[in-house]
């Protein structure tokens, strides 16, 4: 992998005018910290790597995000880091709107050196605990009766993922009145017979 990636140049060129000098500065400081750092693009954002992710930066309409991987493991005596440990977060320093919002260059360089050492050692972030799955909702008998009378709807519903089935069942359970509940079940039957999920209107 090459030290510089042309796609990062293109990304910076397309950024808002206020962002371009800040992005260029971040890039320069990171590469100045170590010639071992290489560039790539992930999730349409520039990433800096050495034996794994080190840092990322992202440009938005009115601010930037700049962050470090494994940020919880970094020694930060001056409390520059503001973001959490979520790698997908916009950054480790909050909203960056001007050069002064960045930490000092020497702090960035120190974080880079720490992360190079961490990646050299093979330390990985602990996996997040799996989210407990929700208990399955029972299908109401009256909806089961409606559904069973429509073979096409039955076929689609059986092929739905558990989460999609649950969306419909929760929709019925949340109805404030029996009339609303009945209306929702009739609407659901129509959508299901067309293979549509509960939130099909909002899906691309």
N, C-alpha and C. Protein backbone atom coordinates (compact mmCIF):
# COMPACT_ATOMS: atom_id res chain seq x y z
N UNK A 1 0.85 -1.20 0.00
CA UNK A 1 0.00 0.00 0.00
C UNK A 1 0.88 1.25 0.00
N UNK A 2 0.54 2.21 -0.83
CA UNK A 2 1.37 3.41 -0.97
C UNK A 2 1.12 4.39 0.17
N UNK A 3 2.15 5.22 0.42
CA UNK A 3 2.03 6.19 1.49
C UNK A 3 0.92 7.20 1.20
N UNK A 4 0.80 7.62 -0.05
CA UNK A 4 -0.23 8.58 -0.43
C UNK A 4 -1.20 7.95 -1.42
N UNK A 5 -2.46 8.30 -1.30
CA UNK A 5 -3.52 7.75 -2.14
C UNK A 5 -4.17 8.89 -2.91
N UNK A 6 -4.21 8.80 -4.22
CA UNK A 6 -4.79 9.86 -5.06
C UNK A 6 -6.25 10.13 -4.71
N UNK A 7 -6.93 9.12 -4.18
CA UNK A 7 -8.34 9.32 -3.82
C UNK A 7 -8.49 10.30 -2.66
N UNK A 8 -7.49 10.37 -1.82
CA UNK A 8 -7.52 11.34 -0.72
C UNK A 8 -7.36 12.76 -1.26
N UNK A 9 -6.49 12.91 -2.27
CA UNK A 9 -6.36 14.22 -2.92
C UNK A 9 -7.70 14.65 -3.52
N UNK A 10 -8.37 13.73 -4.19
CA UNK A 10 -9.67 14.04 -4.79
C UNK A 10 -10.69 14.39 -3.73
N UNK A 11 -10.66 13.68 -2.60
CA UNK A 11 -11.59 13.94 -1.49
C UNK A 11 -11.40 15.36 -0.97
N UNK A 12 -10.14 15.75 -0.78
CA UNK A 12 -9.86 17.09 -0.26
C UNK A 12 -10.28 18.16 -1.26
N UNK A 13 -10.03 17.91 -2.54
CA UNK A 13 -10.39 18.88 -3.57
C UNK A 13 -11.89 19.13 -3.63
N UNK A 14 -12.68 18.11 -3.27
CA UNK A 14 -14.14 18.25 -3.31
C UNK A 14 -14.72 18.81 -2.02
N UNK A 15 -13.91 18.93 -0.99
CA UNK A 15 -14.39 19.42 0.30
C UNK A 15 -14.71 20.91 0.23
N UNK A 16 -15.48 21.37 1.20
CA UNK A 16 -15.83 22.79 1.28
C UNK A 16 -14.55 23.62 1.41
N UNK A 17 -14.54 24.84 0.88
CA UNK A 17 -13.33 25.67 0.92
C UNK A 17 -12.74 25.82 2.32
N UNK A 18 -13.58 25.99 3.35
CA UNK A 18 -13.05 26.16 4.71
C UNK A 18 -12.32 24.91 5.18
N UNK A 19 -12.75 23.75 4.65
CA UNK A 19 -12.22 22.47 5.14
C UNK A 19 -10.89 22.08 4.51
N UNK A 20 -10.65 22.53 3.29
CA UNK A 20 -9.49 22.06 2.55
C UNK A 20 -8.16 22.31 3.26
N UNK A 21 -7.88 23.52 3.76
CA UNK A 21 -6.60 23.72 4.43
C UNK A 21 -6.47 22.91 5.72
N UNK A 22 -7.59 22.65 6.41
CA UNK A 22 -7.55 21.87 7.66
C UNK A 22 -7.25 20.41 7.33
N UNK A 23 -7.91 19.88 6.30
CA UNK A 23 -7.66 18.50 5.89
C UNK A 23 -6.21 18.31 5.44
N UNK A 24 -5.72 19.27 4.68
CA UNK A 24 -4.33 19.19 4.22
C UNK A 24 -3.35 19.24 5.39
N UNK A 25 -3.69 20.04 6.39
CA UNK A 25 -2.81 20.15 7.56
C UNK A 25 -2.79 18.84 8.35
N UNK A 26 -3.98 18.27 8.58
CA UNK A 26 -4.06 17.00 9.30
C UNK A 26 -3.23 15.94 8.57
N UNK A 27 -3.41 15.87 7.27
CA UNK A 27 -2.68 14.89 6.47
C UNK A 27 -1.18 15.08 6.58
N UNK A 28 -0.75 16.33 6.52
CA UNK A 28 0.69 16.63 6.59
C UNK A 28 1.27 16.25 7.95
N UNK A 29 0.54 16.56 9.01
CA UNK A 29 1.02 16.25 10.36
C UNK A 29 1.12 14.74 10.57
N UNK A 30 0.10 14.01 10.10
CA UNK A 30 0.10 12.55 10.28
C UNK A 30 1.28 11.92 9.55
N UNK A 31 1.48 12.32 8.30
CA UNK A 31 2.60 11.73 7.56
C UNK A 31 3.95 12.21 8.11
N UNK A 32 3.95 13.42 8.64
CA UNK A 32 5.19 13.91 9.25
C UNK A 32 5.54 13.16 10.52
N UNK A 33 4.52 12.57 11.16
CA UNK A 33 4.77 11.83 12.40
C UNK A 33 5.50 10.53 12.13
N UNK A 34 5.23 9.91 10.96
CA UNK A 34 5.89 8.64 10.65
C UNK A 34 5.75 8.31 9.18
N UNK A 35 6.83 7.90 8.53
CA UNK A 35 6.76 7.48 7.13
C UNK A 35 6.09 6.11 6.98
N UNK A 36 5.79 5.46 8.09
CA UNK A 36 5.14 4.15 8.05
C UNK A 36 3.65 4.24 7.72
N UNK A 37 3.07 5.42 7.92
CA UNK A 37 1.64 5.60 7.71
C UNK A 37 1.29 5.55 6.23
N UNK A 38 0.24 4.79 5.91
CA UNK A 38 -0.28 4.75 4.54
C UNK A 38 -1.72 5.23 4.53
N UNK A 39 -2.21 5.55 3.33
CA UNK A 39 -3.57 6.07 3.19
C UNK A 39 -4.45 5.09 2.44
N UNK A 40 -5.75 5.19 2.72
CA UNK A 40 -6.75 4.47 1.95
C UNK A 40 -8.08 5.17 2.13
N UNK A 41 -9.10 4.70 1.44
CA UNK A 41 -10.45 5.22 1.61
C UNK A 41 -11.34 4.11 2.12
N UNK A 42 -12.08 4.38 3.20
CA UNK A 42 -13.05 3.44 3.73
C UNK A 42 -14.32 4.21 4.05
N UNK A 43 -15.46 3.62 3.70
CA UNK A 43 -16.75 4.28 3.95
C UNK A 43 -16.74 5.71 3.38
N UNK A 44 -16.05 5.87 2.25
CA UNK A 44 -15.96 7.16 1.54
C UNK A 44 -15.23 8.22 2.35
N UNK A 45 -14.37 7.83 3.28
CA UNK A 45 -13.59 8.77 4.09
C UNK A 45 -12.12 8.38 4.05
N UNK A 46 -11.21 9.36 4.15
CA UNK A 46 -9.78 9.05 4.20
C UNK A 46 -9.40 8.39 5.53
N UNK A 47 -8.68 7.29 5.44
CA UNK A 47 -8.16 6.59 6.61
C UNK A 47 -6.64 6.53 6.53
N UNK A 48 -6.01 6.60 7.69
CA UNK A 48 -4.56 6.49 7.79
C UNK A 48 -4.26 5.22 8.58
N UNK A 49 -3.36 4.39 8.04
CA UNK A 49 -3.18 3.06 8.62
C UNK A 49 -1.70 2.71 8.82
N UNK A 50 -1.49 1.84 9.77
CA UNK A 50 -0.22 1.13 9.92
C UNK A 50 -0.52 -0.15 10.70
N UNK A 51 -0.48 -1.27 10.02
CA UNK A 51 -0.84 -2.55 10.63
C UNK A 51 -2.22 -2.48 11.28
N UNK A 52 -3.10 -1.77 10.62
CA UNK A 52 -4.45 -1.56 11.12
C UNK A 52 -4.77 -0.07 11.12
N UNK A 53 -6.02 0.29 11.35
CA UNK A 53 -6.42 1.70 11.35
C UNK A 53 -5.70 2.50 12.43
N UNK A 54 -5.36 3.73 12.09
CA UNK A 54 -4.73 4.65 13.04
C UNK A 54 -5.63 5.87 13.25
N UNK A 55 -6.03 6.50 12.13
CA UNK A 55 -6.84 7.72 12.23
C UNK A 55 -7.71 7.84 10.99
N UNK A 56 -8.72 8.70 11.09
CA UNK A 56 -9.58 9.00 9.96
C UNK A 56 -9.98 10.47 10.01
N UNK A 57 -10.40 11.00 8.88
CA UNK A 57 -10.92 12.36 8.84
C UNK A 57 -12.10 12.40 7.89
N UNK A 58 -13.04 13.27 8.16
CA UNK A 58 -14.25 13.35 7.35
C UNK A 58 -14.67 14.81 7.23
N UNK A 59 -15.07 15.19 6.03
CA UNK A 59 -15.49 16.57 5.77
C UNK A 59 -16.99 16.62 5.57
N UNK A 60 -17.64 17.56 6.27
CA UNK A 60 -19.07 17.77 6.13
C UNK A 60 -19.31 19.20 5.65
N UNK A 61 -20.54 19.60 5.54
CA UNK A 61 -20.84 20.92 4.97
C UNK A 61 -20.29 22.06 5.82
N UNK A 62 -20.37 21.91 7.15
CA UNK A 62 -19.99 23.02 8.01
C UNK A 62 -18.96 22.65 9.08
N UNK A 63 -18.50 21.40 9.08
CA UNK A 63 -17.48 21.02 10.07
C UNK A 63 -16.73 19.79 9.59
N UNK A 64 -15.69 19.46 10.32
CA UNK A 64 -14.89 18.27 10.04
C UNK A 64 -14.95 17.32 11.22
N UNK A 65 -14.67 16.07 10.94
CA UNK A 65 -14.44 15.09 11.99
C UNK A 65 -13.03 14.55 11.82
N UNK A 66 -12.32 14.39 12.93
CA UNK A 66 -10.97 13.84 12.89
C UNK A 66 -10.81 12.97 14.13
N UNK A 67 -10.49 11.70 13.92
CA UNK A 67 -10.47 10.82 15.07
C UNK A 67 -9.42 9.74 14.99
N UNK A 68 -9.17 9.12 16.14
CA UNK A 68 -8.20 8.04 16.27
C UNK A 68 -8.88 6.74 16.62
N UNK A 69 -8.37 5.65 16.07
CA UNK A 69 -8.81 4.30 16.42
C UNK A 69 -8.26 3.96 17.80
N UNK A 70 -8.93 3.09 18.53
CA UNK A 70 -8.49 2.67 19.87
C UNK A 70 -8.26 3.88 20.78
N UNK A 71 -9.10 4.88 20.66
CA UNK A 71 -8.87 6.12 21.41
C UNK A 71 -8.88 5.92 22.92
N UNK A 72 -9.62 4.89 23.40
CA UNK A 72 -9.67 4.66 24.85
C UNK A 72 -8.33 4.20 25.40
N UNK A 73 -7.45 3.73 24.53
CA UNK A 73 -6.15 3.23 24.98
C UNK A 73 -5.05 4.30 24.92
N UNK A 74 -5.39 5.47 24.46
CA UNK A 74 -4.38 6.52 24.31
C UNK A 74 -4.14 7.26 25.62
N UNK A 75 -2.88 7.55 25.87
CA UNK A 75 -2.51 8.39 27.01
C UNK A 75 -2.75 9.84 26.62
N UNK A 76 -3.64 10.51 27.32
CA UNK A 76 -4.07 11.86 26.95
C UNK A 76 -4.04 12.77 28.19
N UNK A 77 -2.85 13.12 28.69
CA UNK A 77 -2.75 13.88 29.95
C UNK A 77 -3.39 15.26 29.88
N UNK A 78 -3.51 15.83 28.67
CA UNK A 78 -4.08 17.17 28.54
C UNK A 78 -5.56 17.16 28.15
N UNK A 79 -6.14 15.96 28.11
CA UNK A 79 -7.58 15.79 27.84
C UNK A 79 -8.01 16.44 26.52
N UNK A 80 -7.25 16.18 25.48
CA UNK A 80 -7.64 16.68 24.16
C UNK A 80 -8.77 15.85 23.55
N UNK A 81 -8.80 14.56 23.87
CA UNK A 81 -9.79 13.67 23.28
C UNK A 81 -11.16 13.91 23.87
N UNK A 82 -12.13 14.10 23.02
CA UNK A 82 -13.50 14.36 23.46
C UNK A 82 -14.47 13.27 23.05
N UNK A 83 -14.15 12.60 21.96
CA UNK A 83 -15.07 11.60 21.43
C UNK A 83 -14.99 10.32 22.22
N UNK A 84 -15.97 9.42 21.95
CA UNK A 84 -15.99 8.12 22.60
C UNK A 84 -15.14 7.12 21.84
N UNK A 85 -15.39 5.85 22.11
CA UNK A 85 -14.59 4.79 21.52
C UNK A 85 -15.20 4.22 20.26
N UNK A 86 -16.28 4.82 19.80
CA UNK A 86 -16.96 4.28 18.62
C UNK A 86 -16.19 4.66 17.37
N UNK A 87 -15.65 3.67 16.66
CA UNK A 87 -14.84 3.97 15.48
C UNK A 87 -15.63 4.68 14.40
N UNK A 88 -16.93 4.54 14.42
CA UNK A 88 -17.74 5.16 13.38
C UNK A 88 -18.12 6.59 13.72
N UNK A 89 -17.72 7.06 14.87
CA UNK A 89 -18.07 8.42 15.28
C UNK A 89 -17.36 9.42 14.38
N UNK A 90 -17.87 10.66 14.36
CA UNK A 90 -17.31 11.67 13.49
C UNK A 90 -15.89 12.03 13.87
N UNK A 91 -15.50 11.88 15.09
CA UNK A 91 -14.13 12.23 15.45
C UNK A 91 -13.88 12.21 16.94
N UNK A 92 -12.60 12.42 17.28
CA UNK A 92 -12.18 12.37 18.68
C UNK A 92 -12.09 13.74 19.32
N UNK A 93 -12.35 14.80 18.55
CA UNK A 93 -12.14 16.15 19.07
C UNK A 93 -13.37 17.04 18.91
N UNK A 94 -14.53 16.43 18.71
CA UNK A 94 -15.73 17.23 18.52
C UNK A 94 -15.75 17.88 17.14
N UNK A 95 -16.63 18.81 16.95
CA UNK A 95 -16.76 19.50 15.66
C UNK A 95 -15.54 20.38 15.42
N UNK A 96 -14.95 20.22 14.26
CA UNK A 96 -13.79 21.05 13.87
C UNK A 96 -14.25 21.98 12.76
N UNK A 97 -14.27 23.26 13.06
CA UNK A 97 -14.74 24.25 12.09
C UNK A 97 -13.62 25.18 11.64
N UNK A 98 -12.53 25.22 12.40
CA UNK A 98 -11.38 26.07 12.05
C UNK A 98 -10.12 25.40 12.58
N UNK A 99 -8.98 25.87 12.11
CA UNK A 99 -7.70 25.25 12.46
C UNK A 99 -7.49 25.22 13.97
N UNK A 100 -7.99 26.25 14.67
CA UNK A 100 -7.77 26.35 16.11
C UNK A 100 -8.52 25.27 16.90
N UNK A 101 -9.47 24.60 16.26
CA UNK A 101 -10.20 23.53 16.93
C UNK A 101 -9.40 22.24 17.02
N UNK A 102 -8.31 22.17 16.25
CA UNK A 102 -7.45 20.99 16.31
C UNK A 102 -6.57 21.02 17.55
N UNK A 103 -6.18 19.87 18.07
CA UNK A 103 -5.19 19.86 19.14
C UNK A 103 -3.83 20.29 18.57
N UNK A 104 -2.88 20.63 19.40
CA UNK A 104 -1.55 21.01 18.89
C UNK A 104 -0.93 19.89 18.06
N UNK A 105 -0.10 20.26 17.11
CA UNK A 105 0.53 19.27 16.24
C UNK A 105 1.29 18.22 17.04
N UNK A 106 1.99 18.67 18.10
CA UNK A 106 2.78 17.72 18.87
C UNK A 106 1.90 16.67 19.56
N UNK A 107 0.65 17.05 19.91
CA UNK A 107 -0.27 16.09 20.52
C UNK A 107 -0.72 15.06 19.49
N UNK A 108 -1.01 15.52 18.27
CA UNK A 108 -1.39 14.60 17.20
C UNK A 108 -0.26 13.62 16.92
N UNK A 109 0.97 14.14 16.85
CA UNK A 109 2.13 13.28 16.59
C UNK A 109 2.29 12.25 17.70
N UNK A 110 2.09 12.67 18.93
CA UNK A 110 2.22 11.73 20.06
C UNK A 110 1.15 10.64 19.97
N UNK A 111 -0.08 11.00 19.65
CA UNK A 111 -1.14 10.00 19.50
C UNK A 111 -0.79 9.02 18.39
N UNK A 112 -0.25 9.53 17.27
CA UNK A 112 0.14 8.66 16.16
C UNK A 112 1.19 7.66 16.61
N UNK A 113 2.21 8.14 17.33
CA UNK A 113 3.27 7.25 17.80
C UNK A 113 2.71 6.19 18.76
N UNK A 114 1.78 6.60 19.62
CA UNK A 114 1.17 5.63 20.53
C UNK A 114 0.42 4.55 19.77
N UNK A 115 -0.32 4.96 18.73
CA UNK A 115 -1.12 4.00 17.98
C UNK A 115 -0.25 3.07 17.13
N UNK A 116 0.84 3.59 16.62
CA UNK A 116 1.78 2.72 15.89
C UNK A 116 2.29 1.63 16.82
N UNK A 117 2.64 2.03 18.05
CA UNK A 117 3.13 1.06 19.03
C UNK A 117 2.04 0.04 19.39
N UNK A 118 0.81 0.52 19.55
CA UNK A 118 -0.31 -0.38 19.86
C UNK A 118 -0.54 -1.38 18.74
N UNK A 119 -0.52 -0.88 17.50
CA UNK A 119 -0.75 -1.78 16.37
C UNK A 119 0.41 -2.75 16.18
N UNK A 120 1.62 -2.30 16.50
CA UNK A 120 2.78 -3.20 16.45
C UNK A 120 2.62 -4.35 17.45
N UNK A 121 2.04 -4.02 18.60
CA UNK A 121 1.89 -5.03 19.65
C UNK A 121 0.75 -5.99 19.39
N UNK A 122 -0.08 -5.66 18.39
CA UNK A 122 -1.19 -6.54 18.05
C UNK A 122 -2.41 -6.36 18.94
N UNK A 123 -2.44 -5.31 19.75
CA UNK A 123 -3.58 -5.06 20.63
C UNK A 123 -4.80 -4.73 19.79
N UNK A 124 -5.91 -5.36 20.09
CA UNK A 124 -7.17 -5.10 19.38
C UNK A 124 -8.21 -4.57 20.35
N UNK A 125 -9.15 -3.80 19.80
CA UNK A 125 -10.25 -3.33 20.63
C UNK A 125 -11.13 -4.51 21.02
N UNK A 126 -11.59 -4.56 22.27
CA UNK A 126 -12.49 -5.65 22.66
C UNK A 126 -13.78 -5.58 21.87
N UNK A 127 -14.31 -6.76 21.51
CA UNK A 127 -15.56 -6.79 20.76
C UNK A 127 -16.70 -6.33 21.65
N UNK A 128 -17.60 -5.57 21.05
CA UNK A 128 -18.77 -5.11 21.81
C UNK A 128 -19.69 -6.30 22.08
N UNK A 129 -20.25 -6.34 23.28
CA UNK A 129 -21.16 -7.46 23.58
C UNK A 129 -22.35 -7.47 22.64
N UNK A 130 -22.75 -8.64 22.24
CA UNK A 130 -23.88 -8.76 21.33
C UNK A 130 -25.16 -8.27 22.02
N UNK A 131 -25.95 -7.56 21.27
CA UNK A 131 -27.22 -7.07 21.80
C UNK A 131 -28.18 -8.24 21.98
N UNK A 132 -28.77 -8.30 23.14
CA UNK A 132 -29.71 -9.40 23.41
C UNK A 132 -30.89 -9.30 22.46
N UNK A 133 -31.24 -10.41 21.84
CA UNK A 133 -32.37 -10.41 20.91
C UNK A 133 -33.68 -10.29 21.68
N UNK A 134 -34.61 -9.58 21.06
CA UNK A 134 -35.90 -9.38 21.70
C UNK A 134 -36.71 -10.68 21.64
N UNK A 135 -37.49 -10.95 22.68
CA UNK A 135 -38.32 -12.15 22.64
C UNK A 135 -39.34 -12.05 21.52
N UNK A 136 -39.65 -13.18 20.93
CA UNK A 136 -40.59 -13.20 19.81
C UNK A 136 -41.99 -12.87 20.28
N UNK A 137 -42.65 -12.00 19.51
CA UNK A 137 -44.03 -11.62 19.86
C UNK A 137 -44.99 -12.65 19.30
N UNK A 138 -46.00 -13.04 20.07
CA UNK A 138 -46.98 -13.98 19.54
C UNK A 138 -47.88 -13.29 18.52
N UNK A 139 -48.28 -14.02 17.52
CA UNK A 139 -49.18 -13.45 16.52
C UNK A 139 -50.61 -13.49 17.05
N UNK A 140 -51.32 -12.36 17.02
CA UNK A 140 -52.72 -12.35 17.47
C UNK A 140 -53.57 -13.33 16.65
N UNK A 141 -54.50 -13.97 17.32
CA UNK A 141 -55.33 -14.97 16.64
C UNK A 141 -56.14 -14.37 15.51
N UNK A 142 -56.64 -13.13 15.73
CA UNK A 142 -57.48 -12.54 14.68
C UNK A 142 -56.65 -12.19 13.44
N UNK A 143 -55.39 -11.78 13.64
CA UNK A 143 -54.55 -11.50 12.48
C UNK A 143 -54.12 -12.80 11.80
N UNK A 144 -53.92 -13.83 12.61
CA UNK A 144 -53.57 -15.13 12.04
C UNK A 144 -54.70 -15.61 11.13
N UNK A 145 -55.94 -15.35 11.54
CA UNK A 145 -57.08 -15.74 10.73
C UNK A 145 -57.13 -14.98 9.42
N UNK A 146 -56.87 -13.65 9.49
CA UNK A 146 -56.84 -12.83 8.28
C UNK A 146 -55.74 -13.30 7.33
N UNK A 147 -54.59 -13.55 7.91
CA UNK A 147 -53.43 -13.92 7.11
C UNK A 147 -53.62 -15.27 6.42
N UNK A 148 -54.16 -16.23 7.16
CA UNK A 148 -54.30 -17.58 6.64
C UNK A 148 -55.26 -17.66 5.46
N UNK A 149 -56.12 -16.64 5.34
CA UNK A 149 -57.07 -16.63 4.23
C UNK A 149 -56.46 -16.10 2.94
N UNK A 150 -55.21 -15.66 3.02
CA UNK A 150 -54.53 -15.09 1.85
C UNK A 150 -53.21 -15.84 1.67
N UNK A 151 -53.18 -16.80 0.77
CA UNK A 151 -52.01 -17.66 0.59
C UNK A 151 -50.77 -16.86 0.19
N UNK A 152 -50.98 -15.82 -0.64
CA UNK A 152 -49.85 -15.00 -1.08
C UNK A 152 -49.22 -14.28 0.11
N UNK A 153 -50.09 -13.71 0.96
CA UNK A 153 -49.60 -13.00 2.15
C UNK A 153 -48.88 -13.94 3.10
N UNK A 154 -49.42 -15.14 3.25
CA UNK A 154 -48.78 -16.14 4.13
C UNK A 154 -47.36 -16.42 3.64
N UNK A 155 -47.20 -16.61 2.34
CA UNK A 155 -45.89 -16.91 1.78
C UNK A 155 -44.89 -15.80 2.02
N UNK A 156 -45.34 -14.56 1.80
CA UNK A 156 -44.44 -13.43 2.02
C UNK A 156 -44.08 -13.29 3.50
N UNK A 157 -45.09 -13.42 4.35
CA UNK A 157 -44.85 -13.22 5.79
C UNK A 157 -43.87 -14.27 6.33
N UNK A 158 -44.01 -15.49 5.88
CA UNK A 158 -43.12 -16.55 6.36
C UNK A 158 -41.68 -16.32 5.91
N UNK A 159 -41.52 -15.61 4.79
CA UNK A 159 -40.17 -15.34 4.29
C UNK A 159 -39.56 -14.07 4.86
N UNK A 160 -40.37 -13.30 5.60
CA UNK A 160 -39.84 -12.08 6.23
C UNK A 160 -38.82 -12.46 7.30
N UNK A 161 -37.83 -11.60 7.49
CA UNK A 161 -36.90 -11.75 8.61
C UNK A 161 -37.67 -11.53 9.91
N UNK A 162 -37.21 -12.10 11.02
CA UNK A 162 -37.90 -11.91 12.30
C UNK A 162 -38.14 -10.44 12.65
N UNK A 163 -37.19 -9.58 12.31
CA UNK A 163 -37.34 -8.16 12.63
C UNK A 163 -38.50 -7.54 11.86
N UNK A 164 -38.68 -7.96 10.61
CA UNK A 164 -39.78 -7.41 9.80
C UNK A 164 -41.13 -7.91 10.30
N UNK A 165 -41.18 -9.17 10.73
CA UNK A 165 -42.42 -9.68 11.31
C UNK A 165 -42.76 -8.90 12.57
N UNK A 166 -41.73 -8.66 13.38
CA UNK A 166 -41.93 -7.97 14.65
C UNK A 166 -42.46 -6.54 14.45
N UNK A 167 -41.99 -5.89 13.38
CA UNK A 167 -42.46 -4.52 13.11
C UNK A 167 -43.97 -4.48 12.95
N UNK A 168 -44.51 -5.46 12.24
CA UNK A 168 -45.96 -5.50 12.06
C UNK A 168 -46.67 -5.81 13.38
N UNK A 169 -46.18 -6.81 14.11
CA UNK A 169 -46.84 -7.23 15.35
C UNK A 169 -46.79 -6.12 16.40
N UNK A 170 -45.70 -5.37 16.45
CA UNK A 170 -45.61 -4.24 17.39
C UNK A 170 -46.56 -3.13 16.98
N UNK A 171 -46.74 -2.96 15.67
CA UNK A 171 -47.66 -1.94 15.15
C UNK A 171 -49.08 -2.24 15.62
N UNK A 172 -49.47 -3.49 15.58
CA UNK A 172 -50.80 -3.86 16.06
C UNK A 172 -50.91 -3.62 17.57
N UNK A 173 -49.89 -4.04 18.30
CA UNK A 173 -49.92 -3.96 19.77
C UNK A 173 -49.95 -2.51 20.25
N UNK A 174 -49.40 -1.58 19.46
CA UNK A 174 -49.34 -0.18 19.87
C UNK A 174 -50.61 0.60 19.57
N UNK A 175 -51.57 -0.03 18.93
CA UNK A 175 -52.82 0.67 18.59
C UNK A 175 -53.56 1.09 19.86
N UNK A 176 -54.08 2.30 19.85
CA UNK A 176 -54.75 2.85 21.03
C UNK A 176 -56.19 2.37 21.18
N UNK A 177 -56.76 1.91 20.08
CA UNK A 177 -58.15 1.44 20.14
C UNK A 177 -58.30 0.19 19.28
N UNK A 178 -59.36 -0.53 19.51
CA UNK A 178 -59.61 -1.75 18.74
C UNK A 178 -59.87 -1.42 17.27
N UNK A 179 -60.53 -0.25 17.03
CA UNK A 179 -60.81 0.15 15.65
C UNK A 179 -59.50 0.42 14.91
N UNK A 180 -58.59 1.11 15.57
CA UNK A 180 -57.28 1.41 14.96
C UNK A 180 -56.52 0.12 14.71
N UNK A 181 -56.58 -0.78 15.67
CA UNK A 181 -55.89 -2.06 15.53
C UNK A 181 -56.42 -2.85 14.34
N UNK A 182 -57.73 -2.88 14.19
CA UNK A 182 -58.34 -3.60 13.08
C UNK A 182 -57.94 -2.98 11.74
N UNK A 183 -57.94 -1.65 11.70
CA UNK A 183 -57.57 -0.95 10.48
C UNK A 183 -56.12 -1.25 10.11
N UNK A 184 -55.25 -1.31 11.13
CA UNK A 184 -53.83 -1.59 10.88
C UNK A 184 -53.63 -3.01 10.36
N UNK A 185 -54.39 -3.94 10.91
CA UNK A 185 -54.25 -5.32 10.46
C UNK A 185 -54.69 -5.47 9.00
N UNK A 186 -55.77 -4.77 8.64
CA UNK A 186 -56.25 -4.84 7.25
C UNK A 186 -55.23 -4.20 6.31
N UNK A 187 -54.64 -3.08 6.74
CA UNK A 187 -53.61 -2.43 5.92
C UNK A 187 -52.38 -3.32 5.80
N UNK A 188 -52.01 -3.95 6.92
CA UNK A 188 -50.85 -4.84 6.92
C UNK A 188 -51.06 -6.00 5.95
N UNK A 189 -52.25 -6.56 5.94
CA UNK A 189 -52.53 -7.68 5.05
C UNK A 189 -52.32 -7.28 3.59
N UNK A 190 -52.75 -6.07 3.26
CA UNK A 190 -52.59 -5.58 1.88
C UNK A 190 -51.11 -5.44 1.54
N UNK A 191 -50.34 -4.84 2.46
CA UNK A 191 -48.91 -4.63 2.20
C UNK A 191 -48.16 -5.96 2.14
N UNK A 192 -48.47 -6.85 3.07
CA UNK A 192 -47.77 -8.13 3.11
C UNK A 192 -48.04 -8.94 1.84
N UNK A 193 -49.27 -8.88 1.36
CA UNK A 193 -49.61 -9.62 0.13
C UNK A 193 -48.82 -9.10 -1.06
N UNK A 194 -48.30 -7.86 -0.95
CA UNK A 194 -47.46 -7.26 -2.00
C UNK A 194 -45.97 -7.43 -1.68
N UNK A 195 -45.69 -8.15 -0.59
CA UNK A 195 -44.30 -8.40 -0.20
C UNK A 195 -43.63 -7.22 0.46
N UNK A 196 -44.43 -6.29 0.97
CA UNK A 196 -43.88 -5.06 1.54
C UNK A 196 -43.69 -5.19 3.06
N UNK A 197 -42.63 -4.59 3.56
CA UNK A 197 -42.41 -4.55 5.01
C UNK A 197 -43.24 -3.42 5.60
N UNK A 198 -43.32 -3.39 6.92
CA UNK A 198 -44.11 -2.36 7.60
C UNK A 198 -43.64 -0.95 7.22
N UNK A 199 -42.33 -0.75 7.08
CA UNK A 199 -41.78 0.58 6.81
C UNK A 199 -41.30 0.71 5.37
N UNK A 200 -41.99 0.06 4.45
CA UNK A 200 -41.55 0.06 3.05
C UNK A 200 -41.49 1.46 2.44
N UNK A 201 -42.32 2.37 2.93
CA UNK A 201 -42.34 3.72 2.37
C UNK A 201 -41.02 4.46 2.60
N UNK A 202 -40.32 4.08 3.66
CA UNK A 202 -39.11 4.79 4.04
C UNK A 202 -37.84 4.10 3.57
N UNK A 203 -38.01 2.99 2.86
CA UNK A 203 -36.86 2.23 2.37
C UNK A 203 -36.63 2.51 0.91
N UNK A 204 -35.35 2.64 0.57
CA UNK A 204 -35.01 2.94 -0.82
C UNK A 204 -35.05 1.66 -1.65
